């Protein structure tokens, strides 16, 4: 049951990012659910590979480069899903930051 709740929280976080950031557009809640699943799969499979490949840059920037990786993955999912558009990398970076913060807060509420 917690998995479904976290999935809906991720979808709502994506809708929140689309509402706040002008360069992000989501067609419907159904599209946000699909984006949440694909973003989770991308974070599960691609993110560890990218973090290992960019480890020297991450060490130099004290881990802040992971924000760039999150933005890249957000932008990448935007190119795959029809009905979810990210206009540029800065919009993707801000959107990924908003989704991360909203997911953290929402999951904190669900776990408590």
PDB file of N, CA and C in Angstrom:
ATOM      1  N   UNK A   1       0.811  -1.191   0.000  1.00  0.00           N
ATOM      2  CA  UNK A   1       0.000   0.000   0.000  1.00  0.00           C
ATOM      3  C   UNK A   1       0.859   1.262   0.000  1.00  0.00           C
ATOM      4  N   UNK A   2       2.016   1.186   0.686  1.00  0.00           N
ATOM      5  CA  UNK A   2       2.912   2.346   0.715  1.00  0.00           C
ATOM      6  C   UNK A   2       3.493   2.643  -0.666  1.00  0.00           C
ATOM      7  N   UNK A   3       3.694   1.599  -1.461  1.00  0.00           N
ATOM      8  CA  UNK A   3       4.255   1.798  -2.799  1.00  0.00           C
ATOM      9  C   UNK A   3       3.291   2.613  -3.654  1.00  0.00           C
ATOM     10  N   UNK A   4       2.016   2.298  -3.574  1.00  0.00           N
ATOM     11  CA  UNK A   4       1.018   3.045  -4.345  1.00  0.00           C
ATOM     12  C   UNK A   4       0.935   4.489  -3.846  1.00  0.00           C
ATOM     13  N   UNK A   5       1.003   4.667  -2.541  1.00  0.00           N
ATOM     14  CA  UNK A   5       0.968   6.024  -1.986  1.00  0.00           C
ATOM     15  C   UNK A   5       2.183   6.827  -2.457  1.00  0.00           C
ATOM     16  N   UNK A   6       3.361   6.202  -2.463  1.00  0.00           N
ATOM     17  CA  UNK A   6       4.565   6.897  -2.919  1.00  0.00           C
ATOM     18  C   UNK A   6       4.499   7.196  -4.412  1.00  0.00           C
ATOM     19  N   UNK A   7       3.871   6.307  -5.172  1.00  0.00           N
ATOM     20  CA  UNK A   7       3.701   6.514  -6.601  1.00  0.00           C
ATOM     21  C   UNK A   7       2.809   7.738  -6.852  1.00  0.00           C
ATOM     22  N   UNK A   8       1.707   7.845  -6.116  1.00  0.00           N
ATOM     23  CA  UNK A   8       0.830   8.998  -6.252  1.00  0.00           C
ATOM     24  C   UNK A   8       1.513  10.279  -5.783  1.00  0.00           C
ATOM     25  N   UNK A   9       2.326  10.186  -4.749  1.00  0.00           N
ATOM     26  CA  UNK A   9       3.076  11.357  -4.292  1.00  0.00           C
ATOM     27  C   UNK A   9       4.040  11.827  -5.376  1.00  0.00           C
ATOM     28  N   UNK A  10       4.703  10.895  -6.041  1.00  0.00           N
ATOM     29  CA  UNK A  10       5.610  11.261  -7.132  1.00  0.00           C
ATOM     30  C   UNK A  10       4.850  11.912  -8.282  1.00  0.00           C
ATOM     31  N   UNK A  11       3.690  11.378  -8.612  1.00  0.00           N
ATOM     32  CA  UNK A  11       2.887  11.970  -9.682  1.00  0.00           C
ATOM     33  C   UNK A  11       2.425  13.375  -9.303  1.00  0.00           C
ATOM     34  N   UNK A  12       2.005  13.554  -8.056  1.00  0.00           N
ATOM     35  CA  UNK A  12       1.597  14.889  -7.604  1.00  0.00           C
ATOM     36  C   UNK A  12       2.781  15.848  -7.583  1.00  0.00           C
ATOM     37  N   UNK A  13       3.970  15.344  -7.251  1.00  0.00           N
ATOM     38  CA  UNK A  13       5.167  16.186  -7.273  1.00  0.00           C
ATOM     39  C   UNK A  13       5.491  16.622  -8.698  1.00  0.00           C
ATOM     40  N   UNK A  14       5.282  15.743  -9.651  1.00  0.00           N
ATOM     41  CA  UNK A  14       5.518  16.102 -11.059  1.00  0.00           C
ATOM     42  C   UNK A  14       4.509  17.149 -11.515  1.00  0.00           C
ATOM     43  N   UNK A  15       3.267  16.995 -11.105  1.00  0.00           N
ATOM     44  CA  UNK A  15       2.262  18.012 -11.430  1.00  0.00           C
ATOM     45  C   UNK A  15       2.584  19.350 -10.763  1.00  0.00           C
ATOM     46  N   UNK A  16       3.104  19.309  -9.544  1.00  0.00           N
ATOM     47  CA  UNK A  16       3.511  20.537  -8.854  1.00  0.00           C
ATOM     48  C   UNK A  16       4.653  21.219  -9.607  1.00  0.00           C
ATOM     49  N   UNK A  17       5.609  20.436 -10.067  1.00  0.00           N
ATOM     50  CA  UNK A  17       6.718  21.009 -10.835  1.00  0.00           C
ATOM     51  C   UNK A  17       6.215  21.626 -12.131  1.00  0.00           C
ATOM     52  N   UNK A  18       5.244  20.980 -12.767  1.00  0.00           N
ATOM     53  CA  UNK A  18       4.679  21.539 -14.000  1.00  0.00           C
ATOM     54  C   UNK A  18       3.909  22.828 -13.722  1.00  0.00           C
ATOM     55  N   UNK A  19       3.320  22.921 -12.550  1.00  0.00           N
ATOM     56  CA  UNK A  19       2.577  24.121 -12.181  1.00  0.00           C
ATOM     57  C   UNK A  19       3.517  25.282 -11.862  1.00  0.00           C
ATOM     58  N   UNK A  20       4.659  24.987 -11.233  1.00  0.00           N
ATOM     59  CA  UNK A  20       5.568  26.047 -10.795  1.00  0.00           C
ATOM     60  C   UNK A  20       6.528  26.475 -11.900  1.00  0.00           C
ATOM     61  N   UNK A  21       7.133  25.516 -12.595  1.00  0.00           N
ATOM     62  CA  UNK A  21       8.161  25.826 -13.599  1.00  0.00           C
ATOM     63  C   UNK A  21       7.484  26.035 -14.950  1.00  0.00           C
ATOM     64  N   UNK A  22       7.706  27.186 -15.594  1.00  0.00           N
ATOM     65  CA  UNK A  22       7.019  27.459 -16.854  1.00  0.00           C
ATOM     66  C   UNK A  22       7.440  26.570 -18.027  1.00  0.00           C
ATOM     67  N   UNK A  23       8.586  25.945 -17.984  1.00  0.00           N
ATOM     68  CA  UNK A  23       9.036  25.148 -19.122  1.00  0.00           C
ATOM     69  C   UNK A  23       8.626  23.693 -19.086  1.00  0.00           C
ATOM     70  N   UNK A  24       7.782  23.304 -18.122  1.00  0.00           N
ATOM     71  CA  UNK A  24       7.367  21.913 -17.988  1.00  0.00           C
ATOM     72  C   UNK A  24       5.864  21.840 -18.204  1.00  0.00           C
ATOM     73  N   UNK A  25       5.433  20.874 -19.036  1.00  0.00           N
ATOM     74  CA  UNK A  25       4.004  20.694 -19.309  1.00  0.00           C
ATOM     75  C   UNK A  25       3.640  19.224 -19.155  1.00  0.00           C
ATOM     76  N   UNK A  26       2.553  18.975 -18.435  1.00  0.00           N
ATOM     77  CA  UNK A  26       2.032  17.619 -18.253  1.00  0.00           C
ATOM     78  C   UNK A  26       0.595  17.625 -18.742  1.00  0.00           C
ATOM     79  N   UNK A  27       0.254  16.653 -19.607  1.00  0.00           N
ATOM     80  CA  UNK A  27      -1.070  16.625 -20.217  1.00  0.00           C
ATOM     81  C   UNK A  27      -2.158  16.240 -19.220  1.00  0.00           C
ATOM     82  N   UNK A  28      -1.908  15.225 -18.387  1.00  0.00           N
ATOM     83  CA  UNK A  28      -2.953  14.757 -17.471  1.00  0.00           C
ATOM     84  C   UNK A  28      -2.304  14.075 -16.267  1.00  0.00           C
ATOM     85  N   UNK A  29      -3.148  13.699 -15.315  1.00  0.00           N
ATOM     86  CA  UNK A  29      -2.653  12.977 -14.149  1.00  0.00           C
ATOM     87  C   UNK A  29      -2.158  11.588 -14.550  1.00  0.00           C
ATOM     88  N   UNK A  30      -2.822  10.985 -15.520  1.00  0.00           N
ATOM     89  CA  UNK A  30      -2.384   9.685 -16.042  1.00  0.00           C
ATOM     90  C   UNK A  30      -0.968   9.780 -16.608  1.00  0.00           C
ATOM     91  N   UNK A  31      -0.697  10.841 -17.331  1.00  0.00           N
ATOM     92  CA  UNK A  31       0.653  11.062 -17.865  1.00  0.00           C
ATOM     93  C   UNK A  31       1.652  11.237 -16.729  1.00  0.00           C
ATOM     94  N   UNK A  32       1.251  11.939 -15.675  1.00  0.00           N
ATOM     95  CA  UNK A  32       2.134  12.129 -14.520  1.00  0.00           C
ATOM     96  C   UNK A  32       2.432  10.797 -13.834  1.00  0.00           C
ATOM     97  N   UNK A  33       1.465   9.896 -13.799  1.00  0.00           N
ATOM     98  CA  UNK A  33       1.705   8.563 -13.233  1.00  0.00           C
ATOM     99  C   UNK A  33       2.730   7.784 -14.060  1.00  0.00           C
ATOM    100  N   UNK A  34       2.606   7.876 -15.382  1.00  0.00           N
ATOM    101  CA  UNK A  34       3.566   7.203 -16.262  1.00  0.00           C
ATOM    102  C   UNK A  34       4.951   7.804 -16.099  1.00  0.00           C
ATOM    103  N   UNK A  35       5.025   9.124 -16.020  1.00  0.00           N
ATOM    104  CA  UNK A  35       6.313   9.799 -15.827  1.00  0.00           C
ATOM    105  C   UNK A  35       6.927   9.396 -14.495  1.00  0.00           C
ATOM    106  N   UNK A  36       6.103   9.262 -13.454  1.00  0.00           N
ATOM    107  CA  UNK A  36       6.618   8.862 -12.147  1.00  0.00           C
ATOM    108  C   UNK A  36       7.236   7.468 -12.209  1.00  0.00           C
ATOM    109  N   UNK A  37       6.591   6.551 -12.912  1.00  0.00           N
ATOM    110  CA  UNK A  37       7.142   5.199 -13.051  1.00  0.00           C
ATOM    111  C   UNK A  37       8.446   5.222 -13.835  1.00  0.00           C
ATOM    112  N   UNK A  38       8.458   5.912 -14.966  1.00  0.00           N
ATOM    113  CA  UNK A  38       9.672   5.944 -15.792  1.00  0.00           C
ATOM    114  C   UNK A  38      10.809   6.701 -15.114  1.00  0.00           C
ATOM    115  N   UNK A  39      10.479   7.726 -14.364  1.00  0.00           N
ATOM    116  CA  UNK A  39      11.511   8.445 -13.623  1.00  0.00           C
ATOM    117  C   UNK A  39      12.095   7.559 -12.531  1.00  0.00           C
ATOM    118  N   UNK A  40      11.252   6.777 -11.893  1.00  0.00           N
ATOM    119  CA  UNK A  40      11.742   5.827 -10.895  1.00  0.00           C
ATOM    120  C   UNK A  40      12.629   4.760 -11.508  1.00  0.00           C
ATOM    121  N   UNK A  41      12.246   4.249 -12.674  1.00  0.00           N
ATOM    122  CA  UNK A  41      13.067   3.237 -13.360  1.00  0.00           C
ATOM    123  C   UNK A  41      14.391   3.845 -13.812  1.00  0.00           C
ATOM    124  N   UNK A  42      14.353   5.072 -14.331  1.00  0.00           N
ATOM    125  CA  UNK A  42      15.589   5.737 -14.753  1.00  0.00           C
ATOM    126  C   UNK A  42      16.502   5.985 -13.563  1.00  0.00           C
ATOM    127  N   UNK A  43      15.930   6.378 -12.439  1.00  0.00           N
ATOM    128  CA  UNK A  43      16.742   6.584 -11.230  1.00  0.00           C
ATOM    129  C   UNK A  43      17.294   5.273 -10.696  1.00  0.00           C
ATOM    130  N   UNK A  44      16.581   4.189 -10.915  1.00  0.00           N
ATOM    131  CA  UNK A  44      17.023   2.889 -10.435  1.00  0.00           C
ATOM    132  C   UNK A  44      18.126   2.298 -11.310  1.00  0.00           C
ATOM    133  N   UNK A  45      18.020   2.476 -12.616  1.00  0.00           N
ATOM    134  CA  UNK A  45      18.960   1.830 -13.538  1.00  0.00           C
ATOM    135  C   UNK A  45      20.074   2.771 -14.003  1.00  0.00           C
ATOM    136  N   UNK A  46      19.707   3.945 -14.495  1.00  0.00           N
ATOM    137  CA  UNK A  46      20.698   4.837 -15.106  1.00  0.00           C
ATOM    138  C   UNK A  46      21.477   5.678 -14.106  1.00  0.00           C
ATOM    139  N   UNK A  47      20.825   6.108 -13.032  1.00  0.00           N
ATOM    140  CA  UNK A  47      21.486   7.021 -12.101  1.00  0.00           C
ATOM    141  C   UNK A  47      22.746   6.442 -11.464  1.00  0.00           C
ATOM    142  N   UNK A  48      22.739   5.192 -10.984  1.00  0.00           N
ATOM    143  CA  UNK A  48      23.988   4.669 -10.412  1.00  0.00           C
ATOM    144  C   UNK A  48      25.129   4.609 -11.422  1.00  0.00           C
ATOM    145  N   UNK A  49      24.810   4.295 -12.657  1.00  0.00           N
ATOM    146  CA  UNK A  49      25.839   4.254 -13.703  1.00  0.00           C
ATOM    147  C   UNK A  49      26.409   5.648 -13.940  1.00  0.00           C
ATOM    148  N   UNK A  50      25.516   6.644 -14.037  1.00  0.00           N
ATOM    149  CA  UNK A  50      25.967   8.017 -14.264  1.00  0.00           C
ATOM    150  C   UNK A  50      26.744   8.567 -13.077  1.00  0.00           C
ATOM    151  N   UNK A  51      26.344   8.200 -11.876  1.00  0.00           N
ATOM    152  CA  UNK A  51      27.063   8.674 -10.684  1.00  0.00           C
ATOM    153  C   UNK A  51      28.472   8.094 -10.658  1.00  0.00           C
ATOM    154  N   UNK A  52      28.613   6.831 -11.003  1.00  0.00           N
ATOM    155  CA  UNK A  52      29.951   6.215 -11.025  1.00  0.00           C
ATOM    156  C   UNK A  52      30.815   6.828 -12.130  1.00  0.00           C
ATOM    157  N   UNK A  53      30.216   7.061 -13.293  1.00  0.00           N
ATOM    158  CA  UNK A  53      30.990   7.641 -14.396  1.00  0.00           C
ATOM    159  C   UNK A  53      31.420   9.079 -14.122  1.00  0.00           C
ATOM    160  N   UNK A  54      30.636   9.806 -13.341  1.00  0.00           N
ATOM    161  CA  UNK A  54      30.952  11.208 -13.060  1.00  0.00           C
ATOM    162  C   UNK A  54      31.463  11.398 -11.638  1.00  0.00           C
ATOM    163  N   UNK A  55      32.004  10.358 -11.052  1.00  0.00           N
ATOM    164  CA  UNK A  55      32.469  10.427  -9.671  1.00  0.00           C
ATOM    165  C   UNK A  55      33.531  11.507  -9.434  1.00  0.00           C
ATOM    166  N   UNK A  56      34.518  11.679 -10.316  1.00  0.00           N
ATOM    167  CA  UNK A  56      35.487  12.757 -10.061  1.00  0.00           C
ATOM    168  C   UNK A  56      34.847  14.155 -10.017  1.00  0.00           C
ATOM    169  N   UNK A  57      33.889  14.399 -10.911  1.00  0.00           N
ATOM    170  CA  UNK A  57      33.215  15.700 -10.905  1.00  0.00           C
ATOM    171  C   UNK A  57      32.370  15.847  -9.640  1.00  0.00           C
ATOM    172  N   UNK A  58      31.735  14.758  -9.230  1.00  0.00           N
ATOM    173  CA  UNK A  58      30.924  14.802  -8.012  1.00  0.00           C
ATOM    174  C   UNK A  58      31.779  15.063  -6.775  1.00  0.00           C
ATOM    175  N   UNK A  59      32.964  14.503  -6.747  1.00  0.00           N
ATOM    176  CA  UNK A  59      33.859  14.738  -5.610  1.00  0.00           C
ATOM    177  C   UNK A  59      34.317  16.191  -5.581  1.00  0.00           C
ATOM    178  N   UNK A  60      34.654  16.721  -6.741  1.00  0.00           N
ATOM    179  CA  UNK A  60      35.117  18.108  -6.810  1.00  0.00           C
ATOM    180  C   UNK A  60      34.010  19.081  -6.403  1.00  0.00           C
ATOM    181  N   UNK A  61      32.763  18.795  -6.813  1.00  0.00           N
ATOM    182  CA  UNK A  61      31.653  19.695  -6.496  1.00  0.00           C
ATOM    183  C   UNK A  61      30.949  19.320  -5.201  1.00  0.00           C
ATOM    184  N   UNK A  62      31.542  18.404  -4.429  1.00  0.00           N
ATOM    185  CA  UNK A  62      31.001  17.969  -3.141  1.00  0.00           C
ATOM    186  C   UNK A  62      29.590  17.392  -3.267  1.00  0.00           C
ATOM    187  N   UNK A  63      29.338  16.682  -4.345  1.00  0.00           N
ATOM    188  CA  UNK A  63      28.069  15.996  -4.547  1.00  0.00           C
ATOM    189  C   UNK A  63      26.992  16.809  -5.231  1.00  0.00           C
ATOM    190  N   UNK A  64      27.248  18.075  -5.514  1.00  0.00           N
ATOM    191  CA  UNK A  64      26.223  18.903  -6.153  1.00  0.00           C
ATOM    192  C   UNK A  64      25.988  18.529  -7.614  1.00  0.00           C
ATOM    193  N   UNK A  65      26.907  17.791  -8.194  1.00  0.00           N
ATOM    194  CA  UNK A  65      26.726  17.375  -9.583  1.00  0.00           C
ATOM    195  C   UNK A  65      25.589  16.372  -9.714  1.00  0.00           C
ATOM    196  N   UNK A  66      25.194  15.741  -8.612  1.00  0.00           N
ATOM    197  CA  UNK A  66      24.054  14.825  -8.681  1.00  0.00           C
ATOM    198  C   UNK A  66      22.761  15.565  -9.025  1.00  0.00           C
ATOM    199  N   UNK A  67      22.688  16.848  -8.714  1.00  0.00           N
ATOM    200  CA  UNK A  67      21.540  17.651  -9.153  1.00  0.00           C
ATOM    201  C   UNK A  67      21.487  17.740 -10.671  1.00  0.00           C
ATOM    202  N   UNK A  68      22.656  17.869 -11.290  1.00  0.00           N
ATOM    203  CA  UNK A  68      22.728  17.909 -12.744  1.00  0.00           C
ATOM    204  C   UNK A  68      22.303  16.563 -13.321  1.00  0.00           C
ATOM    205  N   UNK A  69      22.706  15.472 -12.688  1.00  0.00           N
ATOM    206  CA  UNK A  69      22.306  14.137 -13.142  1.00  0.00           C
ATOM    207  C   UNK A  69      20.794  13.974 -13.008  1.00  0.00           C
ATOM    208  N   UNK A  70      20.220  14.431 -11.902  1.00  0.00           N
ATOM    209  CA  UNK A  70      18.763  14.376 -11.737  1.00  0.00           C
ATOM    210  C   UNK A  70      18.050  15.182 -12.817  1.00  0.00           C
ATOM    211  N   UNK A  71      18.570  16.366 -13.110  1.00  0.00           N
ATOM    212  CA  UNK A  71      17.992  17.187 -14.173  1.00  0.00           C
ATOM    213  C   UNK A  71      18.088  16.520 -15.527  1.00  0.00           C
ATOM    214  N   UNK A  72      19.214  15.888 -15.803  1.00  0.00           N
ATOM    215  CA  UNK A  72      19.387  15.174 -17.064  1.00  0.00           C
ATOM    216  C   UNK A  72      18.382  14.029 -17.184  1.00  0.00           C
ATOM    217  N   UNK A  73      18.193  13.269 -16.115  1.00  0.00           N
ATOM    218  CA  UNK A  73      17.243  12.160 -16.151  1.00  0.00           C
ATOM    219  C   UNK A  73      15.810  12.670 -16.307  1.00  0.00           C
ATOM    220  N   UNK A  74      15.487  13.779 -15.665  1.00  0.00           N
ATOM    221  CA  UNK A  74      14.169  14.396 -15.806  1.00  0.00           C
ATOM    222  C   UNK A  74      13.933  14.827 -17.247  1.00  0.00           C
ATOM    223  N   UNK A  75      14.944  15.424 -17.841  1.00  0.00           N
ATOM    224  CA  UNK A  75      14.869  15.861 -19.236  1.00  0.00           C
ATOM    225  C   UNK A  75      14.764  14.654 -20.167  1.00  0.00           C
ATOM    226  N   UNK A  76      15.504  13.605 -19.865  1.00  0.00           N
ATOM    227  CA  UNK A  76      15.477  12.382 -20.666  1.00  0.00           C
ATOM    228  C   UNK A  76      14.087  11.744 -20.664  1.00  0.00           C
ATOM    229  N   UNK A  77      13.458  11.677 -19.515  1.00  0.00           N
ATOM    230  CA  UNK A  77      12.104  11.131 -19.434  1.00  0.00           C
ATOM    231  C   UNK A  77      11.132  12.026 -20.206  1.00  0.00           C
ATOM    232  N   UNK A  78      11.402  13.326 -20.217  1.00  0.00           N
ATOM    233  CA  UNK A  78      10.570  14.250 -20.984  1.00  0.00           C
ATOM    234  C   UNK A  78      10.638  14.011 -22.475  1.00  0.00           C
ATOM    235  N   UNK A  79      11.735  13.454 -22.960  1.00  0.00           N
ATOM    236  CA  UNK A  79      11.835  13.148 -24.388  1.00  0.00           C
ATOM    237  C   UNK A  79      11.149  11.831 -24.734  1.00  0.00           C
ATOM    238  N   UNK A  80      10.954  10.971 -23.751  1.00  0.00           N
ATOM    239  CA  UNK A  80      10.363   9.657 -24.005  1.00  0.00           C
ATOM    240  C   UNK A  80       8.833   9.682 -23.952  1.00  0.00           C
ATOM    241  N   UNK A  81       8.272  10.328 -22.943  1.00  0.00           N
ATOM    242  CA  UNK A  81       6.841  10.259 -22.682  1.00  0.00           C
ATOM    243  C   UNK A  81       6.097  11.318 -23.497  1.00  0.00           C
ATOM    244  N   UNK A  82       5.092  10.853 -24.243  1.00  0.00           N
ATOM    245  CA  UNK A  82       4.249  11.784 -24.981  1.00  0.00           C
ATOM    246  C   UNK A  82       3.252  12.400 -23.997  1.00  0.00           C
ATOM    247  N   UNK A  83       3.106  13.708 -24.037  1.00  0.00           N
ATOM    248  CA  UNK A  83       2.244  14.406 -23.100  1.00  0.00           C
ATOM    249  C   UNK A  83       2.999  15.021 -21.941  1.00  0.00           C
ATOM    250  N   UNK A  84       4.311  14.782 -21.891  1.00  0.00           N
ATOM    251  CA  UNK A  84       5.170  15.374 -20.863  1.00  0.00           C
ATOM    252  C   UNK A  84       6.313  16.066 -21.582  1.00  0.00           C
ATOM    253  N   UNK A  85       6.365  17.381 -21.481  1.00  0.00           N
ATOM    254  CA  UNK A  85       7.365  18.148 -22.218  1.00  0.00           C
ATOM    255  C   UNK A  85       8.194  18.991 -21.261  1.00  0.00           C
ATOM    256  N   UNK A  86       9.500  18.963 -21.488  1.00  0.00           N
ATOM    257  CA  UNK A  86      10.439  19.795 -20.744  1.00  0.00           C
ATOM    258  C   UNK A  86      11.178  20.626 -21.785  1.00  0.00           C
ATOM    259  N   UNK A  87      11.077  21.952 -21.674  1.00  0.00           N
ATOM    260  CA  UNK A  87      11.566  22.817 -22.742  1.00  0.00           C
ATOM    261  C   UNK A  87      13.080  22.975 -22.782  1.00  0.00           C
ATOM    262  N   UNK A  88      13.754  22.828 -21.679  1.00  0.00           N
ATOM    263  CA  UNK A  88      15.196  23.002 -21.681  1.00  0.00           C
ATOM    264  C   UNK A  88      15.821  22.411 -20.436  1.00  0.00           C
ATOM    265  N   UNK A  89      17.143  22.517 -20.370  1.00  0.00           N
ATOM    266  CA  UNK A  89      17.832  21.892 -19.253  1.00  0.00           C
ATOM    267  C   UNK A  89      17.596  22.630 -17.942  1.00  0.00           C
ATOM    268  N   UNK A  90      17.489  23.946 -17.979  1.00  0.00           N
ATOM    269  CA  UNK A  90      17.239  24.691 -16.737  1.00  0.00           C
ATOM    270  C   UNK A  90      15.858  24.362 -16.177  1.00  0.00           C
ATOM    271  N   UNK A  91      14.882  24.208 -17.060  1.00  0.00           N
ATOM    272  CA  UNK A  91      13.553  23.796 -16.604  1.00  0.00           C
ATOM    273  C   UNK A  91      13.618  22.392 -16.016  1.00  0.00           C
ATOM    274  N   UNK A  92      14.399  21.524 -16.637  1.00  0.00           N
ATOM    275  CA  UNK A  92      14.554  20.162 -16.119  1.00  0.00           C
ATOM    276  C   UNK A  92      15.250  20.166 -14.762  1.00  0.00           C
ATOM    277  N   UNK A  93      16.255  21.000 -14.613  1.00  0.00           N
ATOM    278  CA  UNK A  93      16.982  21.081 -13.345  1.00  0.00           C
ATOM    279  C   UNK A  93      16.081  21.589 -12.222  1.00  0.00           C
ATOM    280  N   UNK A  94      15.324  22.650 -12.491  1.00  0.00           N
ATOM    281  CA  UNK A  94      14.391  23.168 -11.487  1.00  0.00           C
ATOM    282  C   UNK A  94      13.267  22.177 -11.207  1.00  0.00           C
ATOM    283  N   UNK A  95      12.769  21.532 -12.252  1.00  0.00           N
ATOM    284  CA  UNK A  95      11.716  20.540 -12.077  1.00  0.00           C
ATOM    285  C   UNK A  95      12.181  19.357 -11.252  1.00  0.00           C
ATOM    286  N   UNK A  96      13.391  18.874 -11.519  1.00  0.00           N
ATOM    287  CA  UNK A  96      13.937  17.754 -10.752  1.00  0.00           C
ATOM    288  C   UNK A  96      14.147  18.150  -9.296  1.00  0.00           C
ATOM    289  N   UNK A  97      14.563  19.380  -9.059  1.00  0.00           N
ATOM    290  CA  UNK A  97      14.748  19.856  -7.691  1.00  0.00           C
ATOM    291  C   UNK A  97      13.410  19.932  -6.940  1.00  0.00           C
ATOM    292  N   UNK A  98      12.389  20.442  -7.615  1.00  0.00           N
ATOM    293  CA  UNK A  98      11.066  20.540  -6.997  1.00  0.00           C
ATOM    294  C   UNK A  98      10.481  19.156  -6.742  1.00  0.00           C
ATOM    295  N   UNK A  99      10.640  18.253  -7.709  1.00  0.00           N
ATOM    296  CA  UNK A  99      10.136  16.887  -7.534  1.00  0.00           C
ATOM    297  C   UNK A  99      10.863  16.193  -6.390  1.00  0.00           C
ATOM    298  N   UNK A 100      12.155  16.393  -6.275  1.00  0.00           N
ATOM    299  CA  UNK A 100      12.910  15.768  -5.192  1.00  0.00           C
ATOM    300  C   UNK A 100      12.455  16.277  -3.827  1.00  0.00           C
ATOM    301  N   UNK A 101      12.285  17.575  -3.701  1.00  0.00           N
ATOM    302  CA  UNK A 101      11.850  18.152  -2.421  1.00  0.00           C
ATOM    303  C   UNK A 101      10.429  17.703  -2.085  1.00  0.00           C
ATOM    304  N   UNK A 102       9.528  17.734  -3.070  1.00  0.00           N
ATOM    305  CA  UNK A 102       8.143  17.329  -2.826  1.00  0.00           C
ATOM    306  C   UNK A 102       8.061  15.837  -2.489  1.00  0.00           C
ATOM    307  N   UNK A 103       8.869  15.009  -3.158  1.00  0.00           N
ATOM    308  CA  UNK A 103       8.893  13.582  -2.837  1.00  0.00           C
ATOM    309  C   UNK A 103       9.406  13.355  -1.424  1.00  0.00           C
ATOM    310  N   UNK A 104      10.431  14.089  -1.042  1.00  0.00           N
ATOM    311  CA  UNK A 104      10.971  13.948   0.306  1.00  0.00           C
ATOM    312  C   UNK A 104       9.908  14.291   1.343  1.00  0.00           C
ATOM    313  N   UNK A 105       9.253  15.421   1.166  1.00  0.00           N
ATOM    314  CA  UNK A 105       8.239  15.838   2.128  1.00  0.00           C
ATOM    315  C   UNK A 105       7.042  14.892   2.146  1.00  0.00           C
ATOM    316  N   UNK A 106       6.596  14.471   0.965  1.00  0.00           N
ATOM    317  CA  UNK A 106       5.456  13.562   0.889  1.00  0.00           C
ATOM    318  C   UNK A 106       5.761  12.204   1.479  1.00  0.00           C
ATOM    319  N   UNK A 107       6.940  11.673   1.210  1.00  0.00           N
ATOM    320  CA  UNK A 107       7.320  10.381   1.765  1.00  0.00           C
ATOM    321  C   UNK A 107       7.536  10.469   3.270  1.00  0.00           C
ATOM    322  N   UNK A 108       7.966  11.621   3.745  1.00  0.00           N
ATOM    323  CA  UNK A 108       8.116  11.823   5.191  1.00  0.00           C
ATOM    324  C   UNK A 108       6.751  11.735   5.873  1.00  0.00           C
ATOM    325  N   UNK A 109       5.728  12.299   5.222  1.00  0.00           N
ATOM    326  CA  UNK A 109       4.377  12.247   5.771  1.00  0.00           C
ATOM    327  C   UNK A 109       3.827  10.820   5.746  1.00  0.00           C
ATOM    328  N   UNK A 110       4.058  10.104   4.649  1.00  0.00           N
ATOM    329  CA  UNK A 110       3.549   8.730   4.518  1.00  0.00           C
ATOM    330  C   UNK A 110       4.233   7.794   5.514  1.00  0.00           C
ATOM    331  N   UNK A 111       5.529   7.945   5.717  1.00  0.00           N
ATOM    332  CA  UNK A 111       6.255   7.062   6.614  1.00  0.00           C
ATOM    333  C   UNK A 111       5.928   7.320   8.076  1.00  0.00           C
ATOM    334  N   UNK A 112       5.520   8.531   8.407  1.00  0.00           N
ATOM    335  CA  UNK A 112       5.183   8.849   9.811  1.00  0.00           C
ATOM    336  C   UNK A 112       3.780   8.498  10.106  1.00  0.00           C
TER     337      UNK A 112
END
